[in-house]
N, C-alpha and C. Protein backbone atom coordinates (compact mmCIF):
# COMPACT_ATOMS: atom_id res chain seq x y z
N UNK A 1 -52.56 8.29 29.61
CA UNK A 1 -51.60 8.89 28.73
C UNK A 1 -51.54 8.08 27.43
N UNK A 2 -51.57 8.78 26.36
CA UNK A 2 -51.60 8.15 25.06
C UNK A 2 -50.24 8.30 24.37
N UNK A 3 -49.67 7.17 23.87
CA UNK A 3 -48.36 7.20 23.20
C UNK A 3 -48.62 7.39 21.70
N UNK A 4 -47.92 8.34 21.08
CA UNK A 4 -48.11 8.55 19.64
C UNK A 4 -47.76 7.29 18.84
N UNK A 5 -48.50 7.08 17.76
CA UNK A 5 -48.36 5.89 16.93
C UNK A 5 -46.96 5.80 16.32
N UNK A 6 -46.36 6.92 15.90
CA UNK A 6 -45.05 6.86 15.26
C UNK A 6 -43.96 6.39 16.22
N UNK A 7 -44.09 6.66 17.53
CA UNK A 7 -43.13 6.16 18.51
C UNK A 7 -43.28 4.65 18.66
N UNK A 8 -44.50 4.17 18.69
CA UNK A 8 -44.74 2.73 18.78
C UNK A 8 -44.17 2.03 17.55
N UNK A 9 -44.45 2.57 16.35
CA UNK A 9 -43.94 1.98 15.12
C UNK A 9 -42.41 1.96 15.10
N UNK A 10 -41.78 3.03 15.60
CA UNK A 10 -40.32 3.09 15.64
C UNK A 10 -39.76 2.01 16.57
N UNK A 11 -40.41 1.80 17.73
CA UNK A 11 -39.96 0.76 18.66
C UNK A 11 -40.12 -0.63 18.05
N UNK A 12 -41.23 -0.85 17.37
CA UNK A 12 -41.48 -2.15 16.72
C UNK A 12 -40.45 -2.37 15.62
N UNK A 13 -40.19 -1.32 14.82
CA UNK A 13 -39.20 -1.42 13.75
C UNK A 13 -37.82 -1.73 14.31
N UNK A 14 -37.43 -1.04 15.39
CA UNK A 14 -36.13 -1.25 16.02
C UNK A 14 -36.03 -2.69 16.55
N UNK A 15 -37.11 -3.20 17.14
CA UNK A 15 -37.11 -4.55 17.65
C UNK A 15 -36.99 -5.56 16.49
N UNK A 16 -37.69 -5.31 15.39
CA UNK A 16 -37.62 -6.22 14.24
C UNK A 16 -36.24 -6.22 13.60
N UNK A 17 -35.61 -5.04 13.48
CA UNK A 17 -34.28 -4.98 12.89
C UNK A 17 -33.27 -5.68 13.80
N UNK A 18 -33.44 -5.54 15.10
CA UNK A 18 -32.55 -6.21 16.05
C UNK A 18 -32.70 -7.72 15.94
N UNK A 19 -33.93 -8.19 15.86
CA UNK A 19 -34.18 -9.64 15.70
C UNK A 19 -33.62 -10.15 14.38
N UNK A 20 -33.78 -9.36 13.33
CA UNK A 20 -33.27 -9.76 12.01
C UNK A 20 -31.76 -9.88 12.05
N UNK A 21 -31.09 -8.90 12.65
CA UNK A 21 -29.62 -8.94 12.75
C UNK A 21 -29.17 -10.14 13.59
N UNK A 22 -29.88 -10.42 14.66
CA UNK A 22 -29.53 -11.58 15.50
C UNK A 22 -29.69 -12.88 14.72
N UNK A 23 -30.76 -12.98 13.94
CA UNK A 23 -30.97 -14.18 13.13
C UNK A 23 -29.88 -14.33 12.07
N UNK A 24 -29.46 -13.22 11.48
CA UNK A 24 -28.38 -13.27 10.49
C UNK A 24 -27.09 -13.78 11.14
N UNK A 25 -26.79 -13.28 12.34
CA UNK A 25 -25.59 -13.76 13.05
C UNK A 25 -25.74 -15.24 13.39
N UNK A 26 -26.93 -15.65 13.79
CA UNK A 26 -27.18 -17.06 14.13
C UNK A 26 -26.98 -17.95 12.91
N UNK A 27 -27.34 -17.45 11.75
CA UNK A 27 -27.16 -18.20 10.51
C UNK A 27 -25.74 -18.07 9.95
N UNK A 28 -24.86 -17.41 10.72
CA UNK A 28 -23.47 -17.19 10.33
C UNK A 28 -23.36 -16.33 9.07
N UNK A 29 -24.25 -15.37 8.97
CA UNK A 29 -24.21 -14.38 7.89
C UNK A 29 -23.71 -13.06 8.49
N UNK A 30 -22.51 -13.12 9.05
CA UNK A 30 -21.99 -11.98 9.80
C UNK A 30 -21.76 -10.75 8.94
N UNK A 31 -21.23 -10.91 7.74
CA UNK A 31 -21.02 -9.77 6.85
C UNK A 31 -22.34 -9.09 6.52
N UNK A 32 -23.34 -9.91 6.25
CA UNK A 32 -24.67 -9.39 5.93
C UNK A 32 -25.27 -8.69 7.16
N UNK A 33 -25.13 -9.28 8.32
CA UNK A 33 -25.69 -8.70 9.55
C UNK A 33 -25.05 -7.36 9.87
N UNK A 34 -23.73 -7.27 9.75
CA UNK A 34 -23.05 -6.01 10.03
C UNK A 34 -23.46 -4.92 9.05
N UNK A 35 -23.61 -5.28 7.79
CA UNK A 35 -24.04 -4.32 6.78
C UNK A 35 -25.48 -3.89 7.03
N UNK A 36 -26.32 -4.84 7.42
CA UNK A 36 -27.73 -4.55 7.71
C UNK A 36 -27.84 -3.58 8.88
N UNK A 37 -27.05 -3.83 9.92
CA UNK A 37 -27.07 -2.93 11.08
C UNK A 37 -26.61 -1.52 10.69
N UNK A 38 -25.61 -1.44 9.81
CA UNK A 38 -25.13 -0.13 9.35
C UNK A 38 -26.20 0.58 8.53
N UNK A 39 -26.90 -0.16 7.69
CA UNK A 39 -27.97 0.43 6.88
C UNK A 39 -29.10 0.93 7.77
N UNK A 40 -29.44 0.16 8.80
CA UNK A 40 -30.52 0.55 9.71
C UNK A 40 -30.17 1.81 10.51
N UNK A 41 -28.89 2.08 10.70
CA UNK A 41 -28.46 3.28 11.43
C UNK A 41 -28.58 4.54 10.57
N UNK A 42 -28.67 4.37 9.26
CA UNK A 42 -28.79 5.52 8.37
C UNK A 42 -30.15 6.18 8.53
N UNK A 43 -30.21 7.50 8.28
CA UNK A 43 -31.53 8.14 8.29
C UNK A 43 -32.42 7.50 7.22
N UNK A 44 -33.71 7.53 7.45
CA UNK A 44 -34.67 6.87 6.54
C UNK A 44 -34.49 7.33 5.10
N UNK A 45 -34.27 8.62 4.88
CA UNK A 45 -34.15 9.13 3.52
C UNK A 45 -32.83 8.73 2.85
N UNK A 46 -31.87 8.25 3.62
CA UNK A 46 -30.57 7.83 3.07
C UNK A 46 -30.49 6.31 2.87
N UNK A 47 -31.47 5.56 3.37
CA UNK A 47 -31.45 4.11 3.24
C UNK A 47 -31.75 3.71 1.80
N UNK A 48 -31.05 2.68 1.31
CA UNK A 48 -31.27 2.24 -0.08
C UNK A 48 -32.63 1.57 -0.25
N UNK A 49 -33.11 1.54 -1.51
CA UNK A 49 -34.37 0.84 -1.77
C UNK A 49 -34.15 -0.66 -1.63
N UNK A 50 -35.20 -1.42 -1.75
CA UNK A 50 -35.16 -2.85 -1.48
C UNK A 50 -34.12 -3.59 -2.32
N UNK A 51 -34.10 -3.35 -3.61
CA UNK A 51 -33.19 -4.07 -4.50
C UNK A 51 -31.73 -3.69 -4.22
N UNK A 52 -31.49 -2.41 -4.02
CA UNK A 52 -30.14 -1.95 -3.72
C UNK A 52 -29.68 -2.47 -2.35
N UNK A 53 -30.60 -2.51 -1.40
CA UNK A 53 -30.28 -3.02 -0.06
C UNK A 53 -29.90 -4.50 -0.13
N UNK A 54 -30.68 -5.27 -0.87
CA UNK A 54 -30.39 -6.69 -1.01
C UNK A 54 -29.04 -6.91 -1.68
N UNK A 55 -28.75 -6.13 -2.71
CA UNK A 55 -27.45 -6.23 -3.39
C UNK A 55 -26.31 -5.86 -2.45
N UNK A 56 -26.50 -4.82 -1.65
CA UNK A 56 -25.47 -4.40 -0.69
C UNK A 56 -25.23 -5.47 0.35
N UNK A 57 -26.31 -6.06 0.88
CA UNK A 57 -26.18 -7.10 1.89
C UNK A 57 -25.49 -8.34 1.32
N UNK A 58 -25.84 -8.73 0.12
CA UNK A 58 -25.24 -9.89 -0.52
C UNK A 58 -23.76 -9.66 -0.78
N UNK A 59 -23.42 -8.48 -1.30
CA UNK A 59 -22.02 -8.14 -1.55
C UNK A 59 -21.22 -8.13 -0.25
N UNK A 60 -21.80 -7.60 0.82
CA UNK A 60 -21.12 -7.57 2.11
C UNK A 60 -20.83 -8.98 2.61
N UNK A 61 -21.76 -9.90 2.41
CA UNK A 61 -21.55 -11.28 2.86
C UNK A 61 -20.46 -11.96 2.03
N UNK A 62 -20.47 -11.73 0.71
CA UNK A 62 -19.44 -12.32 -0.15
C UNK A 62 -18.07 -11.80 0.25
N UNK A 63 -17.97 -10.49 0.48
CA UNK A 63 -16.69 -9.90 0.89
C UNK A 63 -16.22 -10.45 2.24
N UNK A 64 -17.15 -10.58 3.17
CA UNK A 64 -16.83 -11.10 4.50
C UNK A 64 -16.30 -12.53 4.43
N UNK A 65 -16.96 -13.35 3.65
CA UNK A 65 -16.52 -14.75 3.52
C UNK A 65 -15.17 -14.85 2.81
N UNK A 66 -14.96 -14.01 1.82
CA UNK A 66 -13.69 -14.00 1.11
C UNK A 66 -12.55 -13.60 2.05
N UNK A 67 -12.80 -12.59 2.86
CA UNK A 67 -11.79 -12.13 3.83
C UNK A 67 -11.50 -13.21 4.86
N UNK A 68 -12.55 -13.86 5.36
CA UNK A 68 -12.35 -14.94 6.34
C UNK A 68 -11.54 -16.08 5.74
N UNK A 69 -11.85 -16.44 4.50
CA UNK A 69 -11.13 -17.54 3.84
C UNK A 69 -9.66 -17.18 3.63
N UNK A 70 -9.41 -15.95 3.19
CA UNK A 70 -8.03 -15.51 2.99
C UNK A 70 -7.26 -15.53 4.30
N UNK A 71 -7.89 -15.03 5.37
CA UNK A 71 -7.24 -15.03 6.68
C UNK A 71 -6.94 -16.45 7.16
N UNK A 72 -7.89 -17.36 6.93
CA UNK A 72 -7.69 -18.74 7.33
C UNK A 72 -6.54 -19.37 6.53
N UNK A 73 -6.53 -19.16 5.21
CA UNK A 73 -5.48 -19.73 4.37
C UNK A 73 -4.11 -19.16 4.76
N UNK A 74 -4.06 -17.87 5.05
CA UNK A 74 -2.79 -17.26 5.47
C UNK A 74 -2.32 -17.83 6.79
N UNK A 75 -3.23 -18.01 7.73
CA UNK A 75 -2.87 -18.55 9.04
C UNK A 75 -2.38 -19.99 8.92
N UNK A 76 -3.09 -20.81 8.13
CA UNK A 76 -2.71 -22.22 7.98
C UNK A 76 -1.42 -22.41 7.18
N UNK A 77 -1.09 -21.44 6.34
CA UNK A 77 0.11 -21.57 5.51
C UNK A 77 1.39 -21.49 6.33
N UNK A 78 1.30 -20.82 7.49
CA UNK A 78 2.45 -20.66 8.39
C UNK A 78 3.63 -20.00 7.70
N UNK A 79 3.33 -18.97 6.89
CA UNK A 79 4.38 -18.24 6.21
C UNK A 79 5.31 -17.58 7.22
N UNK A 80 6.59 -17.59 6.92
CA UNK A 80 7.61 -17.06 7.84
C UNK A 80 7.50 -15.55 8.02
N UNK A 81 7.17 -14.84 6.94
CA UNK A 81 7.06 -13.38 6.97
C UNK A 81 5.68 -12.94 6.53
N UNK A 82 5.21 -11.85 7.08
CA UNK A 82 3.99 -11.22 6.59
C UNK A 82 4.42 -10.31 5.44
N UNK A 83 4.52 -10.90 4.28
CA UNK A 83 5.07 -10.21 3.12
C UNK A 83 4.00 -9.99 2.06
N UNK A 84 4.22 -8.98 1.27
CA UNK A 84 3.29 -8.66 0.18
C UNK A 84 4.10 -8.35 -1.07
N UNK A 85 3.54 -8.63 -2.22
CA UNK A 85 4.23 -8.31 -3.47
C UNK A 85 4.46 -6.81 -3.60
N UNK A 86 3.60 -6.00 -2.98
CA UNK A 86 3.73 -4.54 -3.05
C UNK A 86 4.91 -4.04 -2.22
N UNK A 87 5.35 -4.82 -1.25
CA UNK A 87 6.42 -4.39 -0.34
C UNK A 87 7.82 -4.80 -0.82
N UNK A 88 7.90 -5.52 -1.92
CA UNK A 88 9.20 -5.99 -2.41
C UNK A 88 9.99 -4.80 -2.95
N UNK A 89 11.25 -4.76 -2.58
CA UNK A 89 12.14 -3.70 -3.06
C UNK A 89 12.86 -4.21 -4.30
N UNK A 90 12.65 -3.53 -5.42
CA UNK A 90 13.23 -3.94 -6.69
C UNK A 90 14.50 -3.12 -6.93
N UNK A 91 15.57 -3.82 -7.29
CA UNK A 91 16.82 -3.11 -7.60
C UNK A 91 17.70 -4.01 -8.47
N UNK A 92 18.64 -3.37 -9.14
CA UNK A 92 19.56 -4.13 -9.99
C UNK A 92 20.53 -4.93 -9.12
N UNK A 93 20.84 -4.43 -7.92
CA UNK A 93 21.73 -5.16 -7.02
C UNK A 93 21.12 -6.49 -6.59
N UNK A 94 19.80 -6.51 -6.42
CA UNK A 94 19.11 -7.74 -6.03
C UNK A 94 18.77 -8.59 -7.25
N UNK A 95 19.00 -8.05 -8.44
CA UNK A 95 18.75 -8.75 -9.69
C UNK A 95 17.28 -9.19 -9.80
N UNK A 96 16.38 -8.28 -9.42
CA UNK A 96 14.95 -8.57 -9.52
C UNK A 96 14.23 -7.31 -10.00
N UNK A 97 13.33 -7.50 -10.95
CA UNK A 97 12.58 -6.36 -11.49
C UNK A 97 11.09 -6.53 -11.21
N UNK A 98 10.41 -5.43 -11.29
CA UNK A 98 8.96 -5.44 -11.07
C UNK A 98 8.27 -6.31 -12.13
N UNK A 99 8.78 -6.30 -13.34
CA UNK A 99 8.19 -7.08 -14.44
C UNK A 99 8.32 -8.59 -14.17
N UNK A 100 9.45 -9.00 -13.60
CA UNK A 100 9.64 -10.42 -13.29
C UNK A 100 8.60 -10.89 -12.28
N UNK A 101 8.41 -10.10 -11.24
CA UNK A 101 7.46 -10.47 -10.19
C UNK A 101 6.02 -10.35 -10.70
N UNK A 102 5.76 -9.36 -11.56
CA UNK A 102 4.41 -9.16 -12.10
C UNK A 102 3.92 -10.38 -12.88
N UNK A 103 4.85 -11.15 -13.44
CA UNK A 103 4.47 -12.37 -14.17
C UNK A 103 3.78 -13.38 -13.26
N UNK A 104 4.09 -13.31 -11.95
CA UNK A 104 3.53 -14.26 -11.00
C UNK A 104 2.31 -13.73 -10.27
N UNK A 105 1.93 -12.48 -10.53
CA UNK A 105 0.84 -11.84 -9.78
C UNK A 105 -0.52 -12.47 -10.04
N UNK A 106 -0.71 -13.09 -11.19
CA UNK A 106 -2.02 -13.69 -11.49
C UNK A 106 -2.12 -15.14 -10.98
N UNK A 107 -1.06 -15.65 -10.40
CA UNK A 107 -1.00 -17.02 -9.85
C UNK A 107 -1.23 -18.10 -10.90
N UNK A 108 -0.97 -17.79 -12.16
CA UNK A 108 -1.12 -18.79 -13.22
C UNK A 108 -0.14 -19.94 -13.03
N UNK A 109 1.02 -19.65 -12.44
CA UNK A 109 2.00 -20.70 -12.20
C UNK A 109 1.46 -21.74 -11.20
N UNK A 110 0.61 -21.30 -10.27
CA UNK A 110 0.00 -22.22 -9.31
C UNK A 110 -0.99 -23.12 -10.04
N UNK A 111 -1.85 -22.50 -10.84
CA UNK A 111 -2.84 -23.27 -11.60
C UNK A 111 -2.18 -24.25 -12.56
N UNK A 112 -1.05 -23.84 -13.16
CA UNK A 112 -0.35 -24.68 -14.12
C UNK A 112 0.57 -25.71 -13.48
N UNK A 113 0.68 -25.68 -12.16
CA UNK A 113 1.54 -26.63 -11.47
C UNK A 113 3.02 -26.41 -11.75
N UNK A 114 3.39 -25.15 -12.04
CA UNK A 114 4.78 -24.84 -12.36
C UNK A 114 5.58 -24.58 -11.09
N UNK A 115 6.88 -24.80 -11.18
CA UNK A 115 7.79 -24.57 -10.06
C UNK A 115 8.49 -23.23 -10.23
N UNK A 116 8.81 -22.62 -9.11
CA UNK A 116 9.63 -21.41 -9.11
C UNK A 116 10.81 -21.70 -8.20
N UNK A 117 12.00 -21.45 -8.69
CA UNK A 117 13.20 -21.61 -7.87
C UNK A 117 13.79 -20.22 -7.70
N UNK A 118 13.93 -19.79 -6.46
CA UNK A 118 14.49 -18.48 -6.15
C UNK A 118 15.90 -18.70 -5.61
N UNK A 119 16.88 -18.12 -6.30
CA UNK A 119 18.27 -18.28 -5.88
C UNK A 119 18.87 -16.91 -5.61
N UNK A 120 19.94 -16.91 -4.86
CA UNK A 120 20.65 -15.66 -4.58
C UNK A 120 21.51 -15.80 -3.34
N UNK A 121 22.23 -14.73 -3.06
CA UNK A 121 23.14 -14.71 -1.91
C UNK A 121 22.35 -14.69 -0.61
N UNK A 122 23.02 -15.06 0.46
CA UNK A 122 22.42 -15.03 1.79
C UNK A 122 21.98 -13.61 2.12
N UNK A 123 20.76 -13.48 2.61
CA UNK A 123 20.25 -12.18 3.04
C UNK A 123 19.72 -11.28 1.95
N UNK A 124 19.56 -11.80 0.74
CA UNK A 124 19.08 -10.94 -0.36
C UNK A 124 17.55 -10.88 -0.45
N UNK A 125 16.86 -11.70 0.35
CA UNK A 125 15.40 -11.61 0.38
C UNK A 125 14.67 -12.75 -0.32
N UNK A 126 15.31 -13.89 -0.47
CA UNK A 126 14.66 -15.03 -1.14
C UNK A 126 13.45 -15.51 -0.35
N UNK A 127 13.61 -15.66 0.96
CA UNK A 127 12.51 -16.14 1.80
C UNK A 127 11.37 -15.13 1.81
N UNK A 128 11.69 -13.86 1.85
CA UNK A 128 10.67 -12.81 1.84
C UNK A 128 9.87 -12.86 0.54
N UNK A 129 10.58 -13.00 -0.58
CA UNK A 129 9.91 -13.10 -1.88
C UNK A 129 9.00 -14.32 -1.93
N UNK A 130 9.49 -15.45 -1.43
CA UNK A 130 8.68 -16.68 -1.41
C UNK A 130 7.43 -16.48 -0.56
N UNK A 131 7.58 -15.82 0.59
CA UNK A 131 6.42 -15.57 1.46
C UNK A 131 5.44 -14.60 0.80
N UNK A 132 5.96 -13.61 0.08
CA UNK A 132 5.08 -12.68 -0.63
C UNK A 132 4.27 -13.41 -1.70
N UNK A 133 4.92 -14.32 -2.42
CA UNK A 133 4.20 -15.12 -3.42
C UNK A 133 3.18 -16.03 -2.75
N UNK A 134 3.55 -16.59 -1.60
CA UNK A 134 2.63 -17.44 -0.85
C UNK A 134 1.41 -16.68 -0.36
N UNK A 135 1.65 -15.48 0.18
CA UNK A 135 0.53 -14.66 0.65
C UNK A 135 -0.39 -14.28 -0.51
N UNK A 136 0.21 -13.96 -1.65
CA UNK A 136 -0.58 -13.60 -2.82
C UNK A 136 -1.43 -14.78 -3.30
N UNK A 137 -0.87 -15.98 -3.21
CA UNK A 137 -1.63 -17.19 -3.58
C UNK A 137 -2.81 -17.38 -2.63
N UNK A 138 -2.61 -17.08 -1.35
CA UNK A 138 -3.71 -17.17 -0.37
C UNK A 138 -4.81 -16.18 -0.73
N UNK A 139 -4.43 -14.98 -1.17
CA UNK A 139 -5.42 -13.98 -1.59
C UNK A 139 -6.26 -14.49 -2.76
N UNK A 140 -5.65 -15.30 -3.59
CA UNK A 140 -6.36 -15.89 -4.74
C UNK A 140 -7.12 -17.15 -4.36
N UNK A 141 -7.07 -17.53 -3.08
CA UNK A 141 -7.84 -18.68 -2.61
C UNK A 141 -7.13 -20.01 -2.71
N UNK A 142 -5.80 -19.99 -2.88
CA UNK A 142 -5.05 -21.23 -3.01
C UNK A 142 -4.50 -21.65 -1.65
N UNK A 143 -4.71 -22.92 -1.30
CA UNK A 143 -4.15 -23.47 -0.07
C UNK A 143 -2.64 -23.53 -0.24
N UNK A 144 -1.94 -22.95 0.71
CA UNK A 144 -0.49 -22.81 0.64
C UNK A 144 0.14 -23.33 1.93
N UNK A 145 1.27 -23.99 1.80
CA UNK A 145 2.05 -24.41 2.98
C UNK A 145 3.48 -23.94 2.81
N UNK A 146 4.04 -23.44 3.90
CA UNK A 146 5.43 -22.98 3.93
C UNK A 146 6.20 -23.87 4.90
N UNK A 147 7.34 -24.39 4.46
CA UNK A 147 8.19 -25.18 5.32
C UNK A 147 9.64 -24.77 5.13
N UNK A 148 10.35 -24.66 6.21
CA UNK A 148 11.79 -24.62 6.17
C UNK A 148 12.20 -26.06 5.88
N UNK A 149 13.18 -26.27 5.04
CA UNK A 149 13.52 -27.63 4.62
C UNK A 149 13.90 -28.53 5.80
N UNK A 150 14.60 -27.99 6.79
CA UNK A 150 14.95 -28.80 7.97
C UNK A 150 13.70 -29.26 8.70
N UNK A 151 12.78 -28.36 8.89
CA UNK A 151 11.52 -28.68 9.59
C UNK A 151 10.69 -29.68 8.77
N UNK A 152 10.69 -29.50 7.47
CA UNK A 152 9.97 -30.40 6.57
C UNK A 152 10.49 -31.83 6.74
N UNK A 153 11.81 -32.00 6.72
CA UNK A 153 12.41 -33.33 6.89
C UNK A 153 12.13 -33.91 8.27
N UNK A 154 12.15 -33.03 9.29
CA UNK A 154 11.83 -33.48 10.65
C UNK A 154 10.40 -34.00 10.73
N UNK A 155 9.47 -33.26 10.12
CA UNK A 155 8.07 -33.67 10.18
C UNK A 155 7.83 -34.98 9.44
N UNK A 156 8.56 -35.19 8.36
CA UNK A 156 8.45 -36.48 7.65
C UNK A 156 8.94 -37.60 8.55
N UNK A 157 10.07 -37.39 9.21
CA UNK A 157 10.63 -38.42 10.10
C UNK A 157 9.68 -38.72 11.25
N UNK A 158 9.10 -37.68 11.85
CA UNK A 158 8.15 -37.87 12.95
C UNK A 158 6.91 -38.62 12.47
N UNK A 159 6.42 -38.25 11.29
CA UNK A 159 5.23 -38.91 10.74
C UNK A 159 5.50 -40.39 10.45
N UNK A 160 6.71 -40.71 10.02
CA UNK A 160 7.07 -42.12 9.80
C UNK A 160 7.05 -42.89 11.10
N UNK A 161 7.61 -42.28 12.15
CA UNK A 161 7.71 -42.95 13.45
C UNK A 161 6.33 -43.18 14.07
N UNK A 162 5.48 -42.15 14.03
CA UNK A 162 4.17 -42.31 14.69
C UNK A 162 3.09 -42.87 13.78
N UNK A 163 3.45 -43.25 12.56
CA UNK A 163 2.50 -43.94 11.68
C UNK A 163 1.50 -43.04 10.98
N UNK A 164 1.78 -41.75 10.92
CA UNK A 164 0.83 -40.82 10.28
C UNK A 164 1.36 -40.27 8.95
N UNK A 165 2.35 -40.93 8.38
CA UNK A 165 2.98 -40.42 7.16
C UNK A 165 1.96 -40.28 6.02
N UNK A 166 1.12 -41.27 5.81
CA UNK A 166 0.16 -41.20 4.71
C UNK A 166 -0.83 -40.05 4.94
N UNK A 167 -1.30 -39.92 6.16
CA UNK A 167 -2.22 -38.82 6.49
C UNK A 167 -1.54 -37.47 6.26
N UNK A 168 -0.29 -37.36 6.69
CA UNK A 168 0.46 -36.11 6.54
C UNK A 168 0.70 -35.80 5.07
N UNK A 169 1.06 -36.80 4.29
CA UNK A 169 1.30 -36.60 2.85
C UNK A 169 0.00 -36.22 2.13
N UNK A 170 -1.12 -36.81 2.53
CA UNK A 170 -2.41 -36.45 1.92
C UNK A 170 -2.75 -34.98 2.21
N UNK A 171 -2.41 -34.53 3.42
CA UNK A 171 -2.64 -33.12 3.76
C UNK A 171 -1.78 -32.21 2.88
N UNK A 172 -0.53 -32.58 2.70
CA UNK A 172 0.39 -31.80 1.85
C UNK A 172 -0.09 -31.82 0.40
N UNK A 173 -0.62 -32.96 -0.03
CA UNK A 173 -1.07 -33.11 -1.42
C UNK A 173 -2.23 -32.16 -1.75
N UNK A 174 -3.01 -31.77 -0.74
CA UNK A 174 -4.16 -30.89 -0.97
C UNK A 174 -3.74 -29.43 -1.21
N UNK A 175 -2.51 -29.11 -0.90
CA UNK A 175 -2.03 -27.74 -1.09
C UNK A 175 -1.81 -27.47 -2.57
N UNK A 176 -2.18 -26.28 -2.99
CA UNK A 176 -1.93 -25.85 -4.37
C UNK A 176 -0.52 -25.31 -4.51
N UNK A 177 0.02 -24.76 -3.40
CA UNK A 177 1.37 -24.18 -3.43
C UNK A 177 2.15 -24.67 -2.21
N UNK A 178 3.29 -25.24 -2.46
CA UNK A 178 4.17 -25.71 -1.39
C UNK A 178 5.47 -24.94 -1.49
N UNK A 179 5.81 -24.21 -0.45
CA UNK A 179 7.04 -23.42 -0.42
C UNK A 179 8.05 -24.14 0.47
N UNK A 180 9.17 -24.52 -0.11
CA UNK A 180 10.25 -25.19 0.62
C UNK A 180 11.43 -24.22 0.67
N UNK A 181 11.64 -23.66 1.85
CA UNK A 181 12.68 -22.64 2.04
C UNK A 181 13.99 -23.29 2.47
N UNK A 182 15.09 -22.66 2.11
CA UNK A 182 16.43 -23.16 2.42
C UNK A 182 16.63 -24.57 1.88
N UNK A 183 16.19 -24.78 0.66
CA UNK A 183 16.23 -26.09 0.03
C UNK A 183 17.65 -26.59 -0.18
N UNK A 184 18.57 -25.69 -0.49
CA UNK A 184 19.92 -26.11 -0.85
C UNK A 184 20.88 -26.27 0.31
N UNK A 185 20.42 -26.06 1.53
CA UNK A 185 21.36 -26.12 2.66
C UNK A 185 21.75 -27.54 3.00
């Protein structure tokens, strides 16, 4: 029995694409590997040419790494709320406008080392706003830490006792944004 050449070529091609995807995963190019597998699933006439394919794979890897970094920064920041600038409710009763918050959307205050003090009555959303700004800073790639002031003071005291204060302070120093909640209590 003779096997047609196009079936053999298809099996070889499938094996090569599988090996290529495995190598990409091994090299920790997961975004590229996932995009490559998706491209290989497309019909032959729908697959991009070489240059477009390479651009697509590269863009997929950049996006994947950016997403992983943002997720890592958000997780390490230990923000109290999963807040977003888009979810903030603007009203005259809360004395906050969209324009005021929009000034902080580019994170220039982080780059400039400027402070933001959020004041208001209990329950008006100060912590939520701070967490939204913190999450937005993480999206921009800034290392952020969130502390309740009581917990912050406790951690300093513990670090003094166990002799890790300098190490702890150096870790804090690496943050671009430090959020201290309930500062005035």
